Protein backbone atom coordinates (compact mmCIF):
# COMPACT_ATOMS: atom_id res chain seq x y z
CA MET A 1 24.20 141.27 59.48
CA VAL A 2 28.00 141.33 59.41
CA LYS A 3 29.61 139.20 62.10
CA GLU A 4 32.86 140.64 63.41
CA ARG A 5 35.45 137.99 64.12
CA THR A 6 37.69 138.03 67.14
CA LYS A 7 41.45 137.91 66.79
CA ASP A 8 41.48 134.31 68.05
CA GLU A 9 38.96 133.30 65.38
CA GLU A 10 41.04 135.00 62.70
CA ILE A 11 44.21 133.28 63.88
CA TRP A 12 42.43 129.90 63.93
CA GLU A 13 41.13 130.42 60.37
CA LEU A 14 44.60 131.41 59.12
CA ARG A 15 46.23 128.41 60.80
CA ARG A 16 43.61 126.11 59.33
CA ALA A 17 44.12 127.58 55.85
CA PHE A 18 47.90 127.25 56.15
CA SER A 19 47.56 123.66 57.34
CA ILE A 20 45.35 122.76 54.37
CA LEU A 21 47.75 124.34 51.88
CA HIS A 22 50.80 122.82 53.57
CA THR A 23 49.23 119.36 53.47
CA MET A 24 48.35 119.74 49.79
CA ILE A 25 51.88 120.87 48.92
CA THR A 26 53.66 118.15 50.93
CA LYS A 27 51.39 115.44 49.50
CA GLY A 28 52.28 116.59 45.99
CA ASN A 29 48.90 117.82 44.81
CA ASN A 30 49.01 119.50 41.42
CA LEU A 31 49.39 123.28 41.25
CA PHE A 32 45.94 123.79 39.74
CA ASP A 33 44.24 122.15 42.73
CA ILE A 34 46.46 124.04 45.18
CA SER A 35 45.64 127.31 43.38
CA LYS A 36 41.88 126.62 43.53
CA ALA A 37 42.11 125.76 47.24
CA ALA A 38 44.20 128.87 47.94
CA SER A 39 41.62 131.03 46.19
CA ARG A 40 38.74 129.55 48.22
CA LEU A 41 40.73 129.86 51.46
CA ALA A 42 41.59 133.49 50.68
CA GLN A 43 37.88 134.25 50.44
CA ARG A 44 37.24 132.38 53.69
CA VAL A 45 39.86 134.32 55.66
CA GLU A 46 38.78 137.55 53.92
CA TYR A 47 42.14 138.23 52.26
CA PRO A 48 43.41 140.80 51.34
CA PHE A 49 43.15 142.23 54.79
CA VAL A 50 41.91 145.78 55.17
CA GLN A 51 44.19 147.65 57.50
CA GLU A 52 42.57 150.37 59.53
CA PRO A 53 44.20 153.76 58.95
CA LEU A 54 46.62 154.81 61.65
CA SER A 55 45.80 157.78 63.79
CA ASP A 56 48.13 160.80 63.69
CA ASP A 57 49.40 159.92 67.17
CA ALA A 58 50.34 156.39 66.10
CA ILE A 59 52.13 157.73 63.01
CA ASP A 60 54.06 160.26 65.11
CA SER A 61 55.11 157.66 67.70
CA ASP A 62 56.15 155.22 64.94
CA ALA A 63 58.17 157.93 63.22
CA GLU A 64 59.96 158.69 66.47
CA ALA A 65 60.73 155.00 66.93
CA ARG A 66 61.64 154.71 63.20
CA THR A 67 59.16 151.87 62.73
CA VAL A 68 56.80 153.39 60.16
CA GLY A 69 55.68 150.67 57.77
CA GLU A 70 57.32 147.84 59.70
CA GLU A 71 55.32 144.83 60.84
CA GLU A 72 55.31 143.88 64.48
């Protein structure tokens, strides 16, 4: 059974992953260990993220606002 995560859970996981990597970098861990941790954390937060395709209405409204492809 696939458990769907809420946005708050996703944000918490990303913040935790960033905190771990930031701590490793600022403490001067070697790049190999940081790379291994980053790889494990990427799996944990399910990166790369799969973006749901936009509906035609969303594409049209973005095109009118000239925001197609821009992040919010």
